[in-house]
Amino acid sequence: MSMRPIQPPPSSTSSPSSAPPHRPPHRRRKDLTLPLPHRDTNLAVPLPLPPSSAPSSAPSSASVHHHIPFSELERLNRIGSGSGGTVYKAVHRPTNRLYALKVIYGHHEESVRRQIHREIQILRDVDDQNVVKCHDMYDNNAEIQVLLEFMDGGSLEGKHIPNEQNLADLSRQILRGLSYLHRRHIVHRDIKPSNLLFNSRKQVKIADFGVGRILNQTMDPCNSSVGTIAYMSPERINTDINDGQYDAYAGDIWSFGVSILEFYMGRFPFAVGRQGDWASLMCAICMAPPPEAPVTASPEFRDFVSRCLQREPSRRWSASRLLGHPFIAQGIVNHGQVHHNLHQLLPPPKPLSS
């Protein structure tokens, strides 16, 4: 004779009066052997998404955003490339407002396209003064195109910023953007000078956030356009380091530290060239001691850089903690003068012909 687990009697049928008053008798009884209800696949989200920055009852910046029809945009000249796409300057003809239009490379399968759509919709909700704004997205002629805030100063690629007060203000703005993204559980994964942009209003903003994350999940991992090894943390390049554990937030801090030190020194801070071969870069990043600020730098800056470039990820300071570092404080004290100097140091480039 087969044995079955003892279960309590179905109270909803044999004793209706014992059911809670707020549950009508016709509701499904508590039977643990019943299958779980089918989930609505339209509500399923395949990727971990950051929480909304605003309560559900309050409209977010994305919810009040007005869609810009693609037909109203005119693509102008190419202004850059990176993270699997080409960036063009574009103008919204009705308002004459300039934007950056990023065209993502590749013809993706339908499931991948839906995934990219979901990710970019989340990025539209990102709203911070030190993060490049993602305005809209279009799927046009098999091309995924993202409409972004236009930064008229260009990138910080190749900039030499030896003045520590200027560098402190620059660092503060980047860390504010990073702290915002990390609080929303968004990891950049490709912090480097070419992804740090500035404008004529003296603002410095993080660009290409999220796009690297999208491509990292949809493209071949060996594709060199996803991430830049020169700015990658040791444990991301060599998974044997740190027992194979990769803290993506700490990885962003390492990349930030390398970029800041490069600005100060005027060159890539490792003993090899930034465009060197993969093996040389890997050995320099993973095996050599982390680079340090020159002895001629202030103790505050030297300590600041060391807090970012710790070989052990858990010892790197978070973006929010770095914002309280004494090196950042000197940029706040001299905030007005720093902005003036930074604007002179980083003048907008010559107008690009359309």
Protein backbone atom coordinates (compact mmCIF):
# COMPACT_ATOMS: atom_id res chain seq x y z
CA MET A 1 0.00 0.00 0.00
CA SER A 2 1.44 3.39 -1.00
CA MET A 3 1.99 6.04 1.63
CA ARG A 4 1.13 9.69 1.08
CA PRO A 5 2.18 12.67 3.20
CA ILE A 6 -0.34 13.73 5.78
CA GLN A 7 -1.97 17.00 4.77
CA PRO A 8 -4.40 19.19 6.67
CA PRO A 9 -8.01 18.90 5.57
CA PRO A 10 -9.08 21.34 2.88
CA SER A 11 -10.71 23.88 5.17
CA SER A 12 -12.18 25.92 2.35
CA THR A 13 -14.50 23.06 1.31
CA SER A 14 -15.16 20.99 4.39
CA SER A 15 -15.48 23.93 6.78
CA PRO A 16 -16.34 27.15 5.00
CA SER A 17 -16.92 28.99 8.23
CA SER A 18 -13.27 28.52 9.23
CA ALA A 19 -11.96 30.42 6.19
CA PRO A 20 -10.73 33.99 6.83
CA PRO A 21 -13.54 36.50 6.41
CA HIS A 22 -11.74 38.36 3.61
CA ARG A 23 -11.37 35.23 1.48
CA PRO A 24 -14.57 33.99 -0.20
CA PRO A 25 -15.24 30.22 -0.04
CA HIS A 26 -14.85 29.75 -3.81
CA ARG A 27 -11.11 30.65 -3.74
CA ARG A 28 -8.59 27.90 -4.50
CA ARG A 29 -7.85 25.82 -1.43
CA LYS A 30 -4.45 25.60 0.19
CA ASP A 31 -3.23 22.46 -1.51
CA LEU A 32 0.56 22.21 -1.73
CA THR A 33 0.32 19.65 -4.51
CA LEU A 34 -1.24 22.11 -6.94
CA PRO A 35 1.06 23.45 -9.68
CA LEU A 36 2.21 27.04 -9.55
CA PRO A 37 0.22 29.40 -11.77
CA HIS A 38 1.67 30.20 -15.17
CA ARG A 39 3.55 33.50 -15.27
CA ASP A 40 2.74 36.14 -17.81
CA THR A 41 5.74 36.11 -20.15
CA ASN A 42 5.02 39.68 -21.17
CA LEU A 43 6.01 40.74 -17.66
CA ALA A 44 9.17 38.64 -17.51
CA VAL A 45 12.46 40.54 -17.56
CA PRO A 46 15.47 38.45 -18.61
CA LEU A 47 18.12 40.86 -17.28
CA PRO A 48 18.70 42.32 -13.80
CA LEU A 49 17.48 45.89 -14.12
CA PRO A 50 18.26 48.83 -11.83
CA PRO A 51 15.46 50.08 -9.58
CA SER A 52 13.57 53.20 -10.57
CA SER A 53 14.89 56.39 -9.04
CA ALA A 54 11.39 57.73 -8.47
CA PRO A 55 8.36 56.28 -6.64
CA SER A 56 5.77 54.66 -8.89
CA SER A 57 3.31 57.43 -8.08
CA ALA A 58 5.71 60.18 -9.13
CA PRO A 59 6.54 60.71 -12.81
CA SER A 60 10.19 60.21 -13.65
CA SER A 61 12.12 62.22 -16.19
CA ALA A 62 11.66 59.38 -18.67
CA SER A 63 7.90 59.20 -18.19
CA VAL A 64 7.43 62.89 -19.02
CA HIS A 65 9.89 62.78 -21.91
CA HIS A 66 8.46 63.62 -25.29
CA HIS A 67 9.34 61.21 -28.05
CA ILE A 68 11.36 62.74 -30.89
CA PRO A 69 10.28 61.22 -34.22
CA PHE A 70 13.20 59.83 -36.15
CA SER A 71 11.93 61.57 -39.28
CA GLU A 72 12.60 64.94 -37.61
CA LEU A 73 16.30 64.17 -37.18
CA GLU A 74 18.98 64.93 -39.73
CA ARG A 75 22.23 63.00 -39.43
CA LEU A 76 25.26 65.23 -39.96
CA ASN A 77 28.97 64.38 -39.77
CA ARG A 78 30.63 61.52 -37.93
CA ILE A 79 32.15 62.64 -34.62
CA GLY A 80 33.52 59.42 -33.15
CA SER A 81 33.45 55.66 -32.74
CA GLY A 82 33.55 53.29 -29.80
CA SER A 83 31.92 50.35 -28.00
CA GLY A 84 30.65 48.76 -31.18
CA GLY A 85 29.10 51.83 -32.76
CA THR A 86 29.61 55.02 -34.72
CA VAL A 87 28.52 58.39 -33.33
CA TYR A 88 27.17 61.16 -35.55
CA LYS A 89 26.19 64.72 -34.85
CA ALA A 90 22.49 65.15 -35.57
CA VAL A 91 20.10 68.06 -35.54
CA HIS A 92 16.44 68.09 -34.59
CA ARG A 93 15.09 70.18 -37.46
CA PRO A 94 11.98 71.66 -35.72
CA THR A 95 14.04 73.02 -32.80
CA ASN A 96 17.52 73.19 -34.35
CA ARG A 97 18.83 71.41 -31.26
CA LEU A 98 21.95 69.30 -31.60
CA TYR A 99 22.21 65.68 -30.45
CA ALA A 100 24.65 62.81 -30.74
CA LEU A 101 23.24 59.81 -32.62
CA LYS A 102 24.95 56.48 -31.92
CA VAL A 103 24.45 53.70 -34.47
CA ILE A 104 25.11 50.28 -32.92
CA TYR A 105 26.96 47.90 -35.18
CA GLY A 106 25.63 44.53 -36.27
CA HIS A 107 22.45 42.86 -37.40
CA HIS A 108 21.17 41.14 -34.29
CA GLU A 109 18.65 38.36 -33.88
CA GLU A 110 15.17 39.36 -32.79
CA SER A 111 15.66 38.13 -29.21
CA VAL A 112 18.87 40.16 -28.92
CA ARG A 113 17.20 43.22 -30.37
CA ARG A 114 14.44 42.97 -27.77
CA GLN A 115 17.09 42.69 -25.07
CA ILE A 116 18.87 45.80 -26.33
CA HIS A 117 15.54 47.64 -26.44
CA ARG A 118 14.83 46.78 -22.80
CA GLU A 119 18.27 47.89 -21.69
CA ILE A 120 18.14 51.23 -23.51
CA GLN A 121 14.65 51.93 -22.16
CA ILE A 122 16.13 51.60 -18.68
CA LEU A 123 18.99 53.92 -19.61
CA ARG A 124 16.46 56.57 -20.61
CA ASP A 125 15.51 56.82 -16.93
CA VAL A 126 19.06 57.76 -15.96
CA ASP A 127 19.17 61.44 -15.08
CA ASP A 128 22.31 62.95 -13.54
CA GLN A 129 24.26 66.11 -14.32
CA ASN A 130 27.49 64.12 -14.71
CA VAL A 131 26.12 61.38 -16.96
CA VAL A 132 25.42 61.87 -20.67
CA LYS A 133 21.65 61.80 -21.13
CA CYS A 134 20.07 59.07 -23.26
CA HIS A 135 17.03 60.69 -24.92
CA ASP A 136 15.55 58.13 -27.27
CA MET A 137 16.07 54.94 -29.24
CA TYR A 138 15.15 53.94 -32.78
CA ASP A 139 15.15 50.67 -34.67
CA ASN A 140 15.47 51.94 -38.22
CA ASN A 141 16.35 49.85 -41.28
CA ALA A 142 17.80 47.06 -39.13
CA GLU A 143 20.01 49.60 -37.33
CA ILE A 144 19.62 50.32 -33.63
CA GLN A 145 20.24 54.01 -33.08
CA VAL A 146 20.44 55.80 -29.74
CA LEU A 147 19.84 59.53 -29.39
CA LEU A 148 22.21 61.04 -26.82
CA GLU A 149 23.03 64.41 -25.32
CA PHE A 150 25.53 66.30 -27.47
CA MET A 151 28.72 67.36 -25.65
CA ASP A 152 30.29 70.16 -27.68
CA GLY A 153 33.72 69.95 -26.05
CA GLY A 154 34.45 66.39 -27.11
CA SER A 155 36.32 63.84 -25.01
CA LEU A 156 39.21 64.10 -22.57
CA GLU A 157 41.26 61.72 -24.69
CA GLY A 158 44.88 62.89 -24.82
CA LYS A 159 44.41 65.75 -22.32
CA HIS A 160 47.26 66.65 -19.94
CA ILE A 161 45.93 68.13 -16.68
CA PRO A 162 48.88 68.67 -14.32
CA ASN A 163 47.09 71.22 -12.13
CA GLU A 164 45.80 69.33 -9.09
CA GLN A 165 42.94 71.72 -8.36
CA ASN A 166 41.62 71.30 -11.88
CA LEU A 167 42.09 67.56 -11.62
CA ALA A 168 40.29 67.49 -8.25
CA ASP A 169 37.23 69.16 -9.76
CA LEU A 170 37.35 66.86 -12.78
CA SER A 171 37.58 63.83 -10.47
CA ARG A 172 34.69 65.09 -8.35
CA GLN A 173 32.39 65.35 -11.35
CA ILE A 174 33.31 61.89 -12.66
CA LEU A 175 32.89 60.33 -9.21
CA ARG A 176 29.49 61.95 -8.80
CA GLY A 177 28.38 60.34 -12.06
CA LEU A 178 29.89 56.99 -11.10
CA SER A 179 28.33 57.10 -7.65
CA TYR A 180 24.93 57.79 -9.23
CA LEU A 181 25.25 54.87 -11.64
CA HIS A 182 26.51 52.48 -8.97
CA ARG A 183 23.65 53.38 -6.61
CA ARG A 184 21.30 52.35 -9.38
CA HIS A 185 23.22 49.09 -9.87
CA ILE A 186 24.53 50.20 -13.28
CA VAL A 187 28.15 49.30 -13.98
CA HIS A 188 29.99 51.11 -16.73
CA ARG A 189 32.75 48.54 -17.49
CA ASP A 190 34.63 50.84 -19.89
CA ILE A 191 35.73 53.97 -18.03
CA LYS A 192 38.53 55.62 -20.01
CA PRO A 193 39.43 59.14 -21.20
CA SER A 194 37.58 58.81 -24.51
CA ASN A 195 34.35 58.03 -22.60
CA LEU A 196 34.65 61.16 -20.44
CA LEU A 197 33.18 64.17 -22.25
CA PHE A 198 32.95 67.87 -21.47
CA ASN A 199 30.92 70.79 -22.75
CA SER A 200 31.09 74.57 -22.97
CA ARG A 201 29.17 74.83 -19.67
CA LYS A 202 32.23 73.37 -17.92
CA GLN A 203 30.49 70.09 -17.15
CA VAL A 204 32.26 66.74 -17.34
CA LYS A 205 30.04 63.71 -18.02
CA ILE A 206 30.38 59.95 -18.33
CA ALA A 207 29.45 58.60 -21.75
CA ASP A 208 28.80 55.12 -23.16
CA PHE A 209 27.45 53.81 -19.84
CA GLY A 210 25.20 50.83 -20.40
CA VAL A 211 26.12 50.48 -24.06
CA GLY A 212 29.22 48.52 -23.07
CA ARG A 213 27.02 46.38 -20.85
CA ILE A 214 24.61 45.72 -23.71
CA LEU A 215 27.36 44.79 -26.14
CA ASN A 216 29.15 42.69 -23.55
CA GLN A 217 26.08 40.44 -23.44
CA THR A 218 25.27 40.43 -27.14
CA MET A 219 28.62 40.32 -28.90
CA ASP A 220 31.49 37.90 -29.05
CA PRO A 221 33.49 38.31 -25.80
CA CYS A 222 36.75 38.26 -27.75
CA ASN A 223 35.72 41.35 -29.70
CA SER A 224 38.18 44.06 -28.74
CA SER A 225 35.54 46.77 -29.12
CA VAL A 226 33.92 45.63 -25.86
CA GLY A 227 35.95 47.24 -23.13
CA THR A 228 39.55 48.40 -23.36
CA ILE A 229 42.18 46.16 -21.82
CA ALA A 230 44.47 49.12 -21.07
CA TYR A 231 42.03 50.36 -18.42
CA MET A 232 40.72 47.01 -17.20
CA SER A 233 41.40 45.90 -13.64
CA PRO A 234 43.82 42.99 -13.07
CA GLU A 235 41.11 40.61 -11.85
CA ARG A 236 38.99 41.25 -14.93
CA ILE A 237 41.86 40.41 -17.29
CA ASN A 238 43.15 37.42 -15.33
CA THR A 239 40.36 35.49 -13.66
CA ASP A 240 42.88 33.57 -11.54
CA ILE A 241 43.38 36.75 -9.53
CA ASN A 242 41.05 37.22 -6.56
CA ASP A 243 39.86 33.59 -6.82
CA GLY A 244 37.90 34.34 -9.96
CA GLN A 245 35.65 36.84 -8.19
CA TYR A 246 34.99 40.01 -10.15
CA ASP A 247 33.51 43.06 -8.45
CA ALA A 248 32.37 45.18 -11.37
CA TYR A 249 31.96 48.31 -9.23
CA ALA A 250 35.56 48.02 -8.02
CA GLY A 251 36.56 47.44 -11.65
CA ASP A 252 35.12 50.85 -12.55
CA ILE A 253 37.16 52.46 -9.76
CA TRP A 254 40.39 50.92 -11.08
CA SER A 255 39.64 52.27 -14.58
CA PHE A 256 38.88 55.68 -13.11
CA GLY A 257 42.17 55.70 -11.19
CA VAL A 258 44.21 54.80 -14.28
CA SER A 259 42.45 57.57 -16.26
CA ILE A 260 43.03 60.23 -13.58
CA LEU A 261 46.70 59.31 -13.26
CA GLU A 262 47.04 59.47 -17.05
CA PHE A 263 45.58 62.99 -17.07
CA TYR A 264 48.09 64.08 -14.42
CA MET A 265 51.14 62.49 -16.01
CA GLY A 266 50.22 63.26 -19.60
CA ARG A 267 50.87 59.67 -20.63
CA PHE A 268 49.59 56.15 -19.99
CA PRO A 269 50.84 55.38 -16.43
CA PHE A 270 52.07 51.83 -17.05
CA ALA A 271 55.51 50.96 -18.40
CA VAL A 272 54.04 49.86 -21.73
CA GLY A 273 52.19 51.80 -24.39
CA ARG A 274 48.42 51.92 -24.19
CA GLN A 275 48.19 50.58 -27.72
CA GLY A 276 50.69 47.81 -27.03
CA ASP A 277 50.03 44.17 -27.70
CA TRP A 278 47.66 42.26 -25.46
CA ALA A 279 50.38 40.15 -23.79
CA SER A 280 52.51 43.17 -22.81
CA LEU A 281 49.53 45.03 -21.40
CA MET A 282 48.35 41.98 -19.49
CA CYS A 283 51.78 41.46 -17.89
CA ALA A 284 52.06 45.13 -16.94
CA ILE A 285 48.58 45.32 -15.42
CA CYS A 286 48.38 41.92 -13.77
CA MET A 287 51.96 41.27 -12.64
CA ALA A 288 53.66 44.60 -12.04
CA PRO A 289 52.86 46.70 -8.94
CA PRO A 290 50.01 49.19 -9.51
CA PRO A 291 51.22 52.54 -10.84
CA GLU A 292 51.65 55.40 -8.39
CA ALA A 293 51.50 59.17 -8.67
CA PRO A 294 54.94 60.81 -8.99
CA VAL A 295 56.70 61.88 -5.79
CA THR A 296 56.37 65.47 -6.99
CA ALA A 297 52.58 65.26 -6.54
CA SER A 298 50.90 66.30 -3.31
CA PRO A 299 50.46 63.69 -0.54
CA GLU A 300 46.69 64.03 -0.96
CA PHE A 301 46.78 63.19 -4.66
CA ARG A 302 49.22 60.32 -4.15
CA ASP A 303 46.95 58.84 -1.50
CA PHE A 304 43.86 59.41 -3.65
CA VAL A 305 45.35 57.48 -6.56
CA SER A 306 46.48 54.66 -4.27
CA ARG A 307 42.90 54.27 -2.95
CA CYS A 308 41.77 53.59 -6.54
CA LEU A 309 44.64 51.40 -7.72
CA GLN A 310 44.65 48.67 -5.10
CA ARG A 311 45.37 45.23 -6.53
CA GLU A 312 42.83 43.67 -4.17
CA PRO A 313 39.37 44.88 -5.28
CA SER A 314 37.91 44.94 -1.77
CA ARG A 315 40.53 47.50 -0.73
CA ARG A 316 39.57 50.01 -3.40
CA TRP A 317 37.39 52.80 -2.15
CA SER A 318 33.89 53.17 -3.54
CA ALA A 319 32.92 56.20 -5.63
CA SER A 320 30.88 57.69 -2.79
CA ARG A 321 33.75 57.23 -0.32
CA LEU A 322 36.26 58.79 -2.71
CA LEU A 323 34.04 61.88 -2.90
CA GLY A 324 34.96 62.52 0.75
CA HIS A 325 38.70 62.19 0.19
CA PRO A 326 40.84 65.27 1.11
CA PHE A 327 42.07 65.54 -2.49
CA ILE A 328 38.49 66.12 -3.68
CA ALA A 329 37.91 68.64 -0.90
CA GLN A 330 40.59 70.96 -2.30
CA GLY A 331 38.71 71.13 -5.58
CA ILE A 332 35.50 72.06 -3.75
CA VAL A 333 37.21 74.82 -1.76
CA ASN A 334 38.51 76.37 -4.99
CA HIS A 335 35.45 75.43 -7.04
CA GLY A 336 34.93 78.75 -8.87
CA GLN A 337 38.58 79.20 -9.84
CA VAL A 338 38.87 75.55 -10.83
CA HIS A 339 35.96 75.83 -13.22
CA HIS A 340 37.54 78.87 -14.84
CA ASN A 341 40.88 77.12 -15.24
CA LEU A 342 39.34 73.88 -16.47
CA HIS A 343 37.36 75.76 -19.09
CA GLN A 344 40.55 77.39 -20.34
CA LEU A 345 42.43 74.13 -20.28
CA LEU A 346 39.77 72.25 -22.23
CA PRO A 347 38.46 74.66 -24.90
CA PRO A 348 35.81 73.30 -27.26
CA PRO A 349 37.32 72.08 -30.53
CA LYS A 350 36.84 73.89 -33.78
CA PRO A 351 33.29 73.63 -35.15
CA LEU A 352 32.78 70.44 -37.10
CA SER A 353 31.56 70.90 -40.62
CA SER A 354 28.23 69.31 -41.43
